[in-house]
PDB file of N, CA and C in Angstrom:
ATOM      1  N   MET A   1      29.709 -19.527 -29.519  1.00  0.00           N
ATOM      2  CA  MET A   1      30.633 -19.642 -28.430  1.00  0.00           C
ATOM      3  C   MET A   1      30.151 -20.736 -27.490  1.00  0.00           C
ATOM      4  N   PRO A   2      30.898 -21.759 -27.335  1.00  0.00           N
ATOM      5  CA  PRO A   2      30.476 -22.854 -26.453  1.00  0.00           C
ATOM      6  C   PRO A   2      30.616 -22.432 -24.991  1.00  0.00           C
ATOM      7  N   TYR A   3      29.702 -22.949 -24.187  1.00  0.00           N
ATOM      8  CA  TYR A   3      29.732 -22.630 -22.767  1.00  0.00           C
ATOM      9  C   TYR A   3      30.702 -23.558 -22.057  1.00  0.00           C
ATOM     10  N   LYS A   4      31.394 -22.983 -21.126  1.00  0.00           N
ATOM     11  CA  LYS A   4      32.372 -23.744 -20.353  1.00  0.00           C
ATOM     12  C   LYS A   4      31.712 -24.159 -19.041  1.00  0.00           C
ATOM     13  N   LEU A   5      31.898 -25.384 -18.648  1.00  0.00           N
ATOM     14  CA  LEU A   5      31.401 -25.828 -17.356  1.00  0.00           C
ATOM     15  C   LEU A   5      32.244 -25.192 -16.261  1.00  0.00           C
ATOM     16  N   LEU A   6      31.597 -24.696 -15.257  1.00  0.00           N
ATOM     17  CA  LEU A   6      32.315 -24.038 -14.176  1.00  0.00           C
ATOM     18  C   LEU A   6      32.804 -25.076 -13.174  1.00  0.00           C
ATOM     19  N   GLN A   7      33.991 -24.878 -12.749  1.00  0.00           N
ATOM     20  CA  GLN A   7      34.603 -25.761 -11.768  1.00  0.00           C
ATOM     21  C   GLN A   7      34.652 -25.044 -10.425  1.00  0.00           C
ATOM     22  N   LYS A   8      34.736 -25.811  -9.365  1.00  0.00           N
ATOM     23  CA  LYS A   8      34.836 -25.218  -8.040  1.00  0.00           C
ATOM     24  C   LYS A   8      36.110 -24.396  -7.913  1.00  0.00           C
ATOM     25  N   SER A   9      37.123 -24.790  -8.591  1.00  0.00           N
ATOM     26  CA  SER A   9      38.388 -24.067  -8.518  1.00  0.00           C
ATOM     27  C   SER A   9      38.302 -22.688  -9.182  1.00  0.00           C
ATOM     28  N   ASP A  10      37.250 -22.460  -9.967  1.00  0.00           N
ATOM     29  CA  ASP A  10      37.071 -21.148 -10.591  1.00  0.00           C
ATOM     30  C   ASP A  10      36.651 -20.082  -9.575  1.00  0.00           C
ATOM     31  N   TYR A  11      36.190 -20.503  -8.412  1.00  0.00           N
ATOM     32  CA  TYR A  11      35.712 -19.575  -7.392  1.00  0.00           C
ATOM     33  C   TYR A  11      36.656 -19.590  -6.199  1.00  0.00           C
ATOM     34  N   THR A  12      36.732 -18.454  -5.528  1.00  0.00           N
ATOM     35  CA  THR A  12      37.526 -18.362  -4.307  1.00  0.00           C
ATOM     36  C   THR A  12      36.647 -17.779  -3.211  1.00  0.00           C
ATOM     37  N   ASP A  13      37.084 -17.913  -1.994  1.00  0.00           N
ATOM     38  CA  ASP A  13      36.349 -17.350  -0.869  1.00  0.00           C
ATOM     39  C   ASP A  13      36.780 -15.921  -0.575  1.00  0.00           C
ATOM     40  N   GLU A  14      37.704 -15.413  -1.341  1.00  0.00           N
ATOM     41  CA  GLU A  14      38.191 -14.062  -1.109  1.00  0.00           C
ATOM     42  C   GLU A  14      37.209 -13.042  -1.687  1.00  0.00           C
ATOM     43  N   VAL A  15      37.018 -11.979  -0.918  1.00  0.00           N
ATOM     44  CA  VAL A  15      36.135 -10.902  -1.349  1.00  0.00           C
ATOM     45  C   VAL A  15      37.005  -9.664  -1.562  1.00  0.00           C
ATOM     46  N   PRO A  16      36.982  -9.099  -2.754  1.00  0.00           N
ATOM     47  CA  PRO A  16      37.811  -7.911  -2.984  1.00  0.00           C
ATOM     48  C   PRO A  16      37.296  -6.741  -2.147  1.00  0.00           C
ATOM     49  N   GLN A  17      38.219  -5.986  -1.577  1.00  0.00           N
ATOM     50  CA  GLN A  17      37.856  -4.843  -0.757  1.00  0.00           C
ATOM     51  C   GLN A  17      38.631  -3.619  -1.220  1.00  0.00           C
ATOM     52  N   LEU A  18      38.067  -2.480  -0.945  1.00  0.00           N
ATOM     53  CA  LEU A  18      38.765  -1.238  -1.262  1.00  0.00           C
ATOM     54  C   LEU A  18      39.848  -1.010  -0.211  1.00  0.00           C
ATOM     55  N   PRO A  19      40.959  -0.429  -0.626  1.00  0.00           N
ATOM     56  CA  PRO A  19      42.025  -0.175   0.353  1.00  0.00           C
ATOM     57  C   PRO A  19      41.586   0.888   1.362  1.00  0.00           C
ATOM     58  N   PRO A  20      42.089   0.822   2.600  1.00  0.00           N
ATOM     59  CA  PRO A  20      41.698   1.797   3.629  1.00  0.00           C
ATOM     60  C   PRO A  20      42.030   3.235   3.241  1.00  0.00           C
ATOM     61  N   GLU A  21      43.052   3.439   2.400  1.00  0.00           N
ATOM     62  CA  GLU A  21      43.417   4.791   1.990  1.00  0.00           C
ATOM     63  C   GLU A  21      42.268   5.471   1.236  1.00  0.00           C
ATOM     64  N   TYR A  22      41.478   4.694   0.544  1.00  0.00           N
ATOM     65  CA  TYR A  22      40.366   5.249  -0.223  1.00  0.00           C
ATOM     66  C   TYR A  22      39.392   5.966   0.714  1.00  0.00           C
ATOM     67  N   PHE A  23      39.100   5.357   1.850  1.00  0.00           N
ATOM     68  CA  PHE A  23      38.155   5.944   2.785  1.00  0.00           C
ATOM     69  C   PHE A  23      38.759   7.142   3.512  1.00  0.00           C
ATOM     70  N   GLN A  24      40.061   7.125   3.718  1.00  0.00           N
ATOM     71  CA  GLN A  24      40.705   8.232   4.411  1.00  0.00           C
ATOM     72  C   GLN A  24      40.803   9.462   3.513  1.00  0.00           C
ATOM     73  N   GLN A  25      40.872   9.255   2.217  1.00  0.00           N
ATOM     74  CA  GLN A  25      41.019  10.372   1.287  1.00  0.00           C
ATOM     75  C   GLN A  25      39.720  11.160   1.149  1.00  0.00           C
ATOM     76  N   GLN A  26      38.599  10.505   1.279  1.00  0.00           N
ATOM     77  CA  GLN A  26      37.331  11.211   1.093  1.00  0.00           C
ATOM     78  C   GLN A  26      37.037  12.099   2.292  1.00  0.00           C
ATOM     79  N   GLN A  27      36.650  13.317   2.006  1.00  0.00           N
ATOM     80  CA  GLN A  27      36.280  14.277   3.031  1.00  0.00           C
ATOM     81  C   GLN A  27      34.775  14.155   3.291  1.00  0.00           C
ATOM     82  N   PRO A  28      34.288  14.583   4.441  1.00  0.00           N
ATOM     83  CA  PRO A  28      32.849  14.474   4.727  1.00  0.00           C
ATOM     84  C   PRO A  28      31.974  15.199   3.711  1.00  0.00           C
ATOM     85  N   ASP A  29      32.455  16.335   3.156  1.00  0.00           N
ATOM     86  CA  ASP A  29      31.631  17.054   2.187  1.00  0.00           C
ATOM     87  C   ASP A  29      31.570  16.327   0.846  1.00  0.00           C
ATOM     88  N   GLN A  30      32.494  15.404   0.594  1.00  0.00           N
ATOM     89  CA  GLN A  30      32.484  14.651  -0.651  1.00  0.00           C
ATOM     90  C   GLN A  30      31.565  13.434  -0.577  1.00  0.00           C
ATOM     91  N   GLN A  31      31.249  12.985   0.623  1.00  0.00           N
ATOM     92  CA  GLN A  31      30.378  11.829   0.760  1.00  0.00           C
ATOM     93  C   GLN A  31      28.957  12.232   0.406  1.00  0.00           C
ATOM     94  N   ARG A  32      28.263  11.307  -0.207  1.00  0.00           N
ATOM     95  CA  ARG A  32      26.888  11.588  -0.629  1.00  0.00           C
ATOM     96  C   ARG A  32      25.949  11.592   0.552  1.00  0.00           C
ATOM     97  N   GLN A  33      25.163  12.605   0.620  1.00  0.00           N
ATOM     98  CA  GLN A  33      24.126  12.691   1.640  1.00  0.00           C
ATOM     99  C   GLN A  33      22.785  12.470   0.948  1.00  0.00           C
ATOM    100  N   PRO A  34      21.951  11.559   1.459  1.00  0.00           N
ATOM    101  CA  PRO A  34      20.647  11.352   0.820  1.00  0.00           C
ATOM    102  C   PRO A  34      19.777  12.588   0.961  1.00  0.00           C
ATOM    103  N   ALA A  35      19.122  12.942  -0.112  1.00  0.00           N
ATOM    104  CA  ALA A  35      18.265  14.124  -0.110  1.00  0.00           C
ATOM    105  C   ALA A  35      16.910  13.767   0.484  1.00  0.00           C
ATOM    106  N   ALA A  36      16.413  14.605   1.349  1.00  0.00           N
ATOM    107  CA  ALA A  36      15.097  14.395   1.942  1.00  0.00           C
ATOM    108  C   ALA A  36      14.043  14.816   0.924  1.00  0.00           C
ATOM    109  N   PRO A  37      12.908  14.130   0.893  1.00  0.00           N
ATOM    110  CA  PRO A  37      11.866  14.531  -0.057  1.00  0.00           C
ATOM    111  C   PRO A  37      11.342  15.917   0.281  1.00  0.00           C
ATOM    112  N   GLN A  38      11.144  16.733  -0.748  1.00  0.00           N
ATOM    113  CA  GLN A  38      10.676  18.105  -0.547  1.00  0.00           C
ATOM    114  C   GLN A  38       9.216  18.136  -0.112  1.00  0.00           C
ATOM    115  N   ASN A  39       8.373  17.388  -0.806  1.00  0.00           N
ATOM    116  CA  ASN A  39       6.947  17.316  -0.485  1.00  0.00           C
ATOM    117  C   ASN A  39       6.579  15.858  -0.268  1.00  0.00           C
ATOM    118  N   PRO A  40       6.436  15.406   0.984  1.00  0.00           N
ATOM    119  CA  PRO A  40       6.083  14.011   1.201  1.00  0.00           C
ATOM    120  C   PRO A  40       4.698  13.725   0.624  1.00  0.00           C
ATOM    121  N   PRO A  41       4.490  12.534   0.081  1.00  0.00           N
ATOM    122  CA  PRO A  41       3.200  12.207  -0.536  1.00  0.00           C
ATOM    123  C   PRO A  41       2.102  12.095   0.509  1.00  0.00           C
ATOM    124  N   THR A  42       0.880  12.410   0.102  1.00  0.00           N
ATOM    125  CA  THR A  42      -0.271  12.223   0.980  1.00  0.00           C
ATOM    126  C   THR A  42      -0.768  10.798   0.809  1.00  0.00           C
ATOM    127  N   ALA A  43      -1.792  10.419   1.552  1.00  0.00           N
ATOM    128  CA  ALA A  43      -2.271   9.030   1.535  1.00  0.00           C
ATOM    129  C   ALA A  43      -2.696   8.595   0.137  1.00  0.00           C
ATOM    130  N   GLY A  44      -3.327   9.469  -0.630  1.00  0.00           N
ATOM    131  CA  GLY A  44      -3.791   9.094  -1.956  1.00  0.00           C
ATOM    132  C   GLY A  44      -2.712   9.139  -3.012  1.00  0.00           C
ATOM    133  N   GLU A  45      -1.532   9.671  -2.659  1.00  0.00           N
ATOM    134  CA  GLU A  45      -0.462   9.826  -3.640  1.00  0.00           C
ATOM    135  C   GLU A  45       0.660   8.819  -3.457  1.00  0.00           C
ATOM    136  N   GLY A  46       0.425   7.773  -2.724  1.00  0.00           N
ATOM    137  CA  GLY A  46       1.443   6.746  -2.597  1.00  0.00           C
ATOM    138  C   GLY A  46       2.156   6.708  -1.271  1.00  0.00           C
ATOM    139  N   ALA A  47       1.657   7.379  -0.261  1.00  0.00           N
ATOM    140  CA  ALA A  47       2.266   7.287   1.063  1.00  0.00           C
ATOM    141  C   ALA A  47       2.009   5.897   1.628  1.00  0.00           C
ATOM    142  N   PRO A  48       2.945   5.352   2.386  1.00  0.00           N
ATOM    143  CA  PRO A  48       2.723   4.019   2.926  1.00  0.00           C
ATOM    144  C   PRO A  48       1.576   4.008   3.926  1.00  0.00           C
ATOM    145  N   ILE A  49       0.834   2.937   3.932  1.00  0.00           N
ATOM    146  CA  ILE A  49      -0.278   2.757   4.852  1.00  0.00           C
ATOM    147  C   ILE A  49       0.183   1.742   5.883  1.00  0.00           C
ATOM    148  N   ALA A  50       0.488   2.202   7.063  1.00  0.00           N
ATOM    149  CA  ALA A  50       1.048   1.328   8.087  1.00  0.00           C
ATOM    150  C   ALA A  50      -0.055   0.533   8.759  1.00  0.00           C
ATOM    151  N   GLY A  51       0.214  -0.740   8.984  1.00  0.00           N
ATOM    152  CA  GLY A  51      -0.655  -1.567   9.796  1.00  0.00           C
ATOM    153  C   GLY A  51      -1.808  -2.227   9.073  1.00  0.00           C
ATOM    154  N   ASN A  52      -2.073  -1.931   7.830  1.00  0.00           N
ATOM    155  CA  ASN A  52      -3.180  -2.552   7.124  1.00  0.00           C
ATOM    156  C   ASN A  52      -2.649  -3.214   5.864  1.00  0.00           C
ATOM    157  N   PRO A  53      -2.378  -4.520   5.915  1.00  0.00           N
ATOM    158  CA  PRO A  53      -1.774  -5.181   4.758  1.00  0.00           C
ATOM    159  C   PRO A  53      -2.668  -5.186   3.520  1.00  0.00           C
ATOM    160  N   ILE A  54      -3.972  -5.223   3.715  1.00  0.00           N
ATOM    161  CA  ILE A  54      -4.869  -5.228   2.549  1.00  0.00           C
ATOM    162  C   ILE A  54      -4.823  -3.873   1.850  1.00  0.00           C
ATOM    163  N   ALA A  55      -4.830  -2.797   2.638  1.00  0.00           N
ATOM    164  CA  ALA A  55      -4.741  -1.460   2.045  1.00  0.00           C
ATOM    165  C   ALA A  55      -3.396  -1.272   1.363  1.00  0.00           C
ATOM    166  N   MET A  56      -2.328  -1.808   1.965  1.00  0.00           N
ATOM    167  CA  MET A  56      -1.002  -1.709   1.345  1.00  0.00           C
ATOM    168  C   MET A  56      -0.974  -2.484   0.024  1.00  0.00           C
ATOM    169  N   PHE A  57      -1.650  -3.640  -0.024  1.00  0.00           N
ATOM    170  CA  PHE A  57      -1.710  -4.426  -1.256  1.00  0.00           C
ATOM    171  C   PHE A  57      -2.405  -3.632  -2.358  1.00  0.00           C
ATOM    172  N   PHE A  58      -3.571  -3.049  -2.036  1.00  0.00           N
ATOM    173  CA  PHE A  58      -4.287  -2.280  -3.049  1.00  0.00           C
ATOM    174  C   PHE A  58      -3.487  -1.066  -3.487  1.00  0.00           C
ATOM    175  N   GLN A  59      -2.787  -0.437  -2.548  1.00  0.00           N
ATOM    176  CA  GLN A  59      -1.989   0.731  -2.915  1.00  0.00           C
ATOM    177  C   GLN A  59      -0.828   0.322  -3.813  1.00  0.00           C
ATOM    178  N   SER A  60      -0.287  -0.890  -3.621  1.00  0.00           N
ATOM    179  CA  SER A  60       0.805  -1.330  -4.490  1.00  0.00           C
ATOM    180  C   SER A  60       0.302  -1.572  -5.912  1.00  0.00           C
ATOM    181  N   LEU A  61      -0.953  -2.004  -6.039  1.00  0.00           N
ATOM    182  CA  LEU A  61      -1.527  -2.229  -7.369  1.00  0.00           C
ATOM    183  C   LEU A  61      -2.037  -0.934  -7.991  1.00  0.00           C
ATOM    184  N   LEU A  62      -2.636  -0.099  -7.153  1.00  0.00           N
ATOM    185  CA  LEU A  62      -3.248   1.146  -7.627  1.00  0.00           C
ATOM    186  C   LEU A  62      -2.626   2.306  -6.851  1.00  0.00           C
ATOM    187  N   PRO A  63      -1.647   2.994  -7.412  1.00  0.00           N
ATOM    188  CA  PRO A  63      -0.982   4.072  -6.670  1.00  0.00           C
ATOM    189  C   PRO A  63      -1.930   5.182  -6.229  1.00  0.00           C
ATOM    190  N   GLY A  64      -3.050   5.362  -6.896  1.00  0.00           N
ATOM    191  CA  GLY A  64      -4.001   6.395  -6.510  1.00  0.00           C
ATOM    192  C   GLY A  64      -5.009   5.934  -5.477  1.00  0.00           C
ATOM    193  N   PHE A  65      -4.847   4.726  -4.941  1.00  0.00           N
ATOM    194  CA  PHE A  65      -5.773   4.185  -3.951  1.00  0.00           C
ATOM    195  C   PHE A  65      -5.750   5.044  -2.696  1.00  0.00           C
ATOM    196  N   ASP A  66      -6.920   5.503  -2.262  1.00  0.00           N
ATOM    197  CA  ASP A  66      -7.031   6.352  -1.079  1.00  0.00           C
ATOM    198  C   ASP A  66      -7.927   5.652  -0.059  1.00  0.00           C
ATOM    199  N   PRO A  67      -7.359   5.121   1.019  1.00  0.00           N
ATOM    200  CA  PRO A  67      -8.175   4.378   1.983  1.00  0.00           C
ATOM    201  C   PRO A  67      -9.214   5.251   2.684  1.00  0.00           C
ATOM    202  N   GLU A  68      -8.936   6.548   2.851  1.00  0.00           N
ATOM    203  CA  GLU A  68      -9.921   7.417   3.488  1.00  0.00           C
ATOM    204  C   GLU A  68     -11.158   7.573   2.597  1.00  0.00           C
ATOM    205  N   ALA A  69     -10.943   7.717   1.300  1.00  0.00           N
ATOM    206  CA  ALA A  69     -12.072   7.834   0.374  1.00  0.00           C
ATOM    207  C   ALA A  69     -12.868   6.531   0.342  1.00  0.00           C
ATOM    208  N   LEU A  70     -12.161   5.399   0.422  1.00  0.00           N
ATOM    209  CA  LEU A  70     -12.848   4.104   0.449  1.00  0.00           C
ATOM    210  C   LEU A  70     -13.687   3.977   1.711  1.00  0.00           C
ATOM    211  N   ALA A  71     -13.146   4.395   2.836  1.00  0.00           N
ATOM    212  CA  ALA A  71     -13.889   4.320   4.100  1.00  0.00           C
ATOM    213  C   ALA A  71     -15.124   5.213   4.045  1.00  0.00           C
ATOM    214  N   ALA A  72     -14.992   6.404   3.469  1.00  0.00           N
ATOM    215  CA  ALA A  72     -16.135   7.317   3.362  1.00  0.00           C
ATOM    216  C   ALA A  72     -17.205   6.740   2.438  1.00  0.00           C
ATOM    217  N   ALA A  73     -16.788   6.171   1.324  1.00  0.00           N
ATOM    218  CA  ALA A  73     -17.744   5.575   0.384  1.00  0.00           C
ATOM    219  C   ALA A  73     -18.434   4.374   1.007  1.00  0.00           C
ATOM    220  N   THR A  74     -17.699   3.574   1.753  1.00  0.00           N
ATOM    221  CA  THR A  74     -18.274   2.402   2.422  1.00  0.00           C
ATOM    222  C   THR A  74     -19.303   2.841   3.463  1.00  0.00           C
ATOM    223  N   ALA A  75     -18.968   3.870   4.245  1.00  0.00           N
ATOM    224  CA  ALA A  75     -19.907   4.371   5.254  1.00  0.00           C
ATOM    225  C   ALA A  75     -21.174   4.897   4.593  1.00  0.00           C
ATOM    226  N   ALA A  76     -21.033   5.609   3.480  1.00  0.00           N
ATOM    227  CA  ALA A  76     -22.207   6.137   2.777  1.00  0.00           C
ATOM    228  C   ALA A  76     -23.072   5.006   2.229  1.00  0.00           C
ATOM    229  N   ALA A  77     -22.438   3.982   1.681  1.00  0.00           N
ATOM    230  CA  ALA A  77     -23.190   2.845   1.133  1.00  0.00           C
ATOM    231  C   ALA A  77     -23.919   2.094   2.245  1.00  0.00           C
ATOM    232  N   GLU A  78     -23.266   1.936   3.391  1.00  0.00           N
ATOM    233  CA  GLU A  78     -23.912   1.247   4.511  1.00  0.00           C
ATOM    234  C   GLU A  78     -25.095   2.053   5.036  1.00  0.00           C
ATOM    235  N   ALA A  79     -24.962   3.360   5.099  1.00  0.00           N
ATOM    236  CA  ALA A  79     -26.061   4.205   5.560  1.00  0.00           C
ATOM    237  C   ALA A  79     -27.244   4.112   4.592  1.00  0.00           C
ATOM    238  N   GLU A  80     -26.946   4.110   3.300  1.00  0.00           N
ATOM    239  CA  GLU A  80     -28.000   3.985   2.298  1.00  0.00           C
ATOM    240  C   GLU A  80     -28.697   2.630   2.409  1.00  0.00           C
ATOM    241  N   GLN A  81     -27.903   1.586   2.655  1.00  0.00           N
ATOM    242  CA  GLN A  81     -28.467   0.244   2.808  1.00  0.00           C
ATOM    243  C   GLN A  81     -29.396   0.180   4.024  1.00  0.00           C
ATOM    244  N   ARG A  82     -28.977   0.789   5.136  1.00  0.00           N
ATOM    245  CA  ARG A  82     -29.818   0.806   6.340  1.00  0.00           C
ATOM    246  C   ARG A  82     -31.129   1.545   6.070  1.00  0.00           C
ATOM    247  N   ALA A  83     -31.052   2.656   5.339  1.00  0.00           N
ATOM    248  CA  ALA A  83     -32.260   3.417   5.026  1.00  0.00           C
ATOM    249  C   ALA A  83     -33.209   2.590   4.159  1.00  0.00           C
ATOM    250  N   ILE A  84     -32.672   1.865   3.209  1.00  0.00           N
ATOM    251  CA  ILE A  84     -33.507   1.021   2.336  1.00  0.00           C
ATOM    252  C   ILE A  84     -34.146  -0.094   3.150  1.00  0.00           C
ATOM    253  N   MET A  85     -33.371  -0.709   4.035  1.00  0.00           N
ATOM    254  CA  MET A  85     -33.914  -1.791   4.860  1.00  0.00           C
ATOM    255  C   MET A  85     -35.024  -1.273   5.773  1.00  0.00           C
ATOM    256  N   GLN A  86     -34.864  -0.091   6.340  1.00  0.00           N
ATOM    257  CA  GLN A  86     -35.913   0.484   7.179  1.00  0.00           C
ATOM    258  C   GLN A  86     -37.166   0.745   6.370  1.00  0.00           C
ATOM    259  N   GLN A  87     -36.988   1.237   5.140  1.00  0.00           N
ATOM    260  CA  GLN A  87     -38.145   1.495   4.274  1.00  0.00           C
ATOM    261  C   GLN A  87     -38.861   0.192   3.935  1.00  0.00           C
ATOM    262  N   VAL A  88     -38.096  -0.854   3.643  1.00  0.00           N
ATOM    263  CA  VAL A  88     -38.700  -2.159   3.324  1.00  0.00           C
ATOM    264  C   VAL A  88     -39.455  -2.686   4.530  1.00  0.00           C
ATOM    265  N   GLN A  89     -38.877  -2.578   5.724  1.00  0.00           N
ATOM    266  CA  GLN A  89     -39.557  -3.048   6.934  1.00  0.00           C
ATOM    267  C   GLN A  89     -40.836  -2.262   7.189  1.00  0.00           C
ATOM    268  N   GLN A  90     -40.800  -0.951   6.962  1.00  0.00           N
ATOM    269  CA  GLN A  90     -42.003  -0.143   7.138  1.00  0.00           C
ATOM    270  C   GLN A  90     -43.077  -0.542   6.126  1.00  0.00           C
ATOM    271  N   ASP A  91     -42.669  -0.794   4.879  1.00  0.00           N
ATOM    272  CA  ASP A  91     -43.625  -1.217   3.848  1.00  0.00           C
ATOM    273  C   ASP A  91     -44.244  -2.562   4.213  1.00  0.00           C
ATOM    274  N   GLN A  92     -43.429  -3.490   4.704  1.00  0.00           N
ATOM    275  CA  GLN A  92     -43.948  -4.806   5.092  1.00  0.00           C
ATOM    276  C   GLN A  92     -44.913  -4.683   6.267  1.00  0.00           C
ATOM    277  N   LYS A  93     -44.585  -3.832   7.217  1.00  0.00           N
ATOM    278  CA  LYS A  93     -45.453  -3.612   8.373  1.00  0.00           C
ATOM    279  C   LYS A  93     -46.774  -3.005   7.923  1.00  0.00           C
ATOM    280  N   GLN A  94     -46.687  -2.048   7.007  1.00  0.00           N
ATOM    281  CA  GLN A  94     -47.907  -1.414   6.476  1.00  0.00           C
ATOM    282  C   GLN A  94     -48.774  -2.422   5.736  1.00  0.00           C
ATOM    283  N   GLN A  95     -48.155  -3.320   4.959  1.00  0.00           N
ATOM    284  CA  GLN A  95     -48.904  -4.341   4.224  1.00  0.00           C
ATOM    285  C   GLN A  95     -49.587  -5.302   5.191  1.00  0.00           C
ATOM    286  N   ARG A  96     -48.898  -5.659   6.280  1.00  0.00           N
ATOM    287  CA  ARG A  96     -49.526  -6.550   7.267  1.00  0.00           C
ATOM    288  C   ARG A  96     -50.722  -5.870   7.932  1.00  0.00           C
ATOM    289  N   GLU A  97     -50.559  -4.592   8.248  1.00  0.00           N
ATOM    290  CA  GLU A  97     -51.664  -3.869   8.859  1.00  0.00           C
ATOM    291  C   GLU A  97     -52.822  -3.722   7.890  1.00  0.00           C
ATOM    292  N   ASP A  98     -52.530  -3.473   6.626  1.00  0.00           N
ATOM    293  CA  ASP A  98     -53.588  -3.371   5.608  1.00  0.00           C
ATOM    294  C   ASP A  98     -54.291  -4.723   5.441  1.00  0.00           C
ATOM    295  N   GLY A  99     -53.561  -5.805   5.542  1.00  0.00           N
ATOM    296  CA  GLY A  99     -54.160  -7.143   5.419  1.00  0.00           C
ATOM    297  C   GLY A  99     -55.043  -7.490   6.567  1.00  0.00           C
ATOM    298  N   LYS A 100     -54.777  -6.986   7.771  1.00  0.00           N
ATOM    299  CA  LYS A 100     -55.592  -7.258   8.951  1.00  0.00           C
ATOM    300  C   LYS A 100     -56.913  -6.490   8.884  1.00  0.00           C
ATOM    301  N   ASP A 101     -56.886  -5.325   8.254  1.00  0.00           N
ATOM    302  CA  ASP A 101     -58.082  -4.481   8.179  1.00  0.00           C
ATOM    303  C   ASP A 101     -59.124  -5.079   7.236  1.00  0.00           C
ATOM    304  N   ASP A 102     -58.714  -5.931   6.294  1.00  0.00           N
ATOM    305  CA  ASP A 102     -59.677  -6.480   5.301  1.00  0.00           C
ATOM    306  C   ASP A 102     -60.599  -7.462   5.887  1.00  0.00           C
TER     307      ASP A 102
END
């Protein structure tokens, strides 16, 4: 089937509309009412994360992404890092003191 080139005359500025009688015939109980969600999702189940575009990006890629769990894991890792750094500083201080005693 060969394609036909479209001409400007093939298009009109008219937009088809439904007749007003159509809207008058419908009763309020016949109109569709959107159903409210029964159980809204929690943060880890796909609820929107307002105000944080990076968290929203990760949630769009990973529906199970939970920013609260990430924050808790980050805090735990930072605390562990601080403890390791304190231990290293104490070891270095001890080595310096041991070197002075010789």
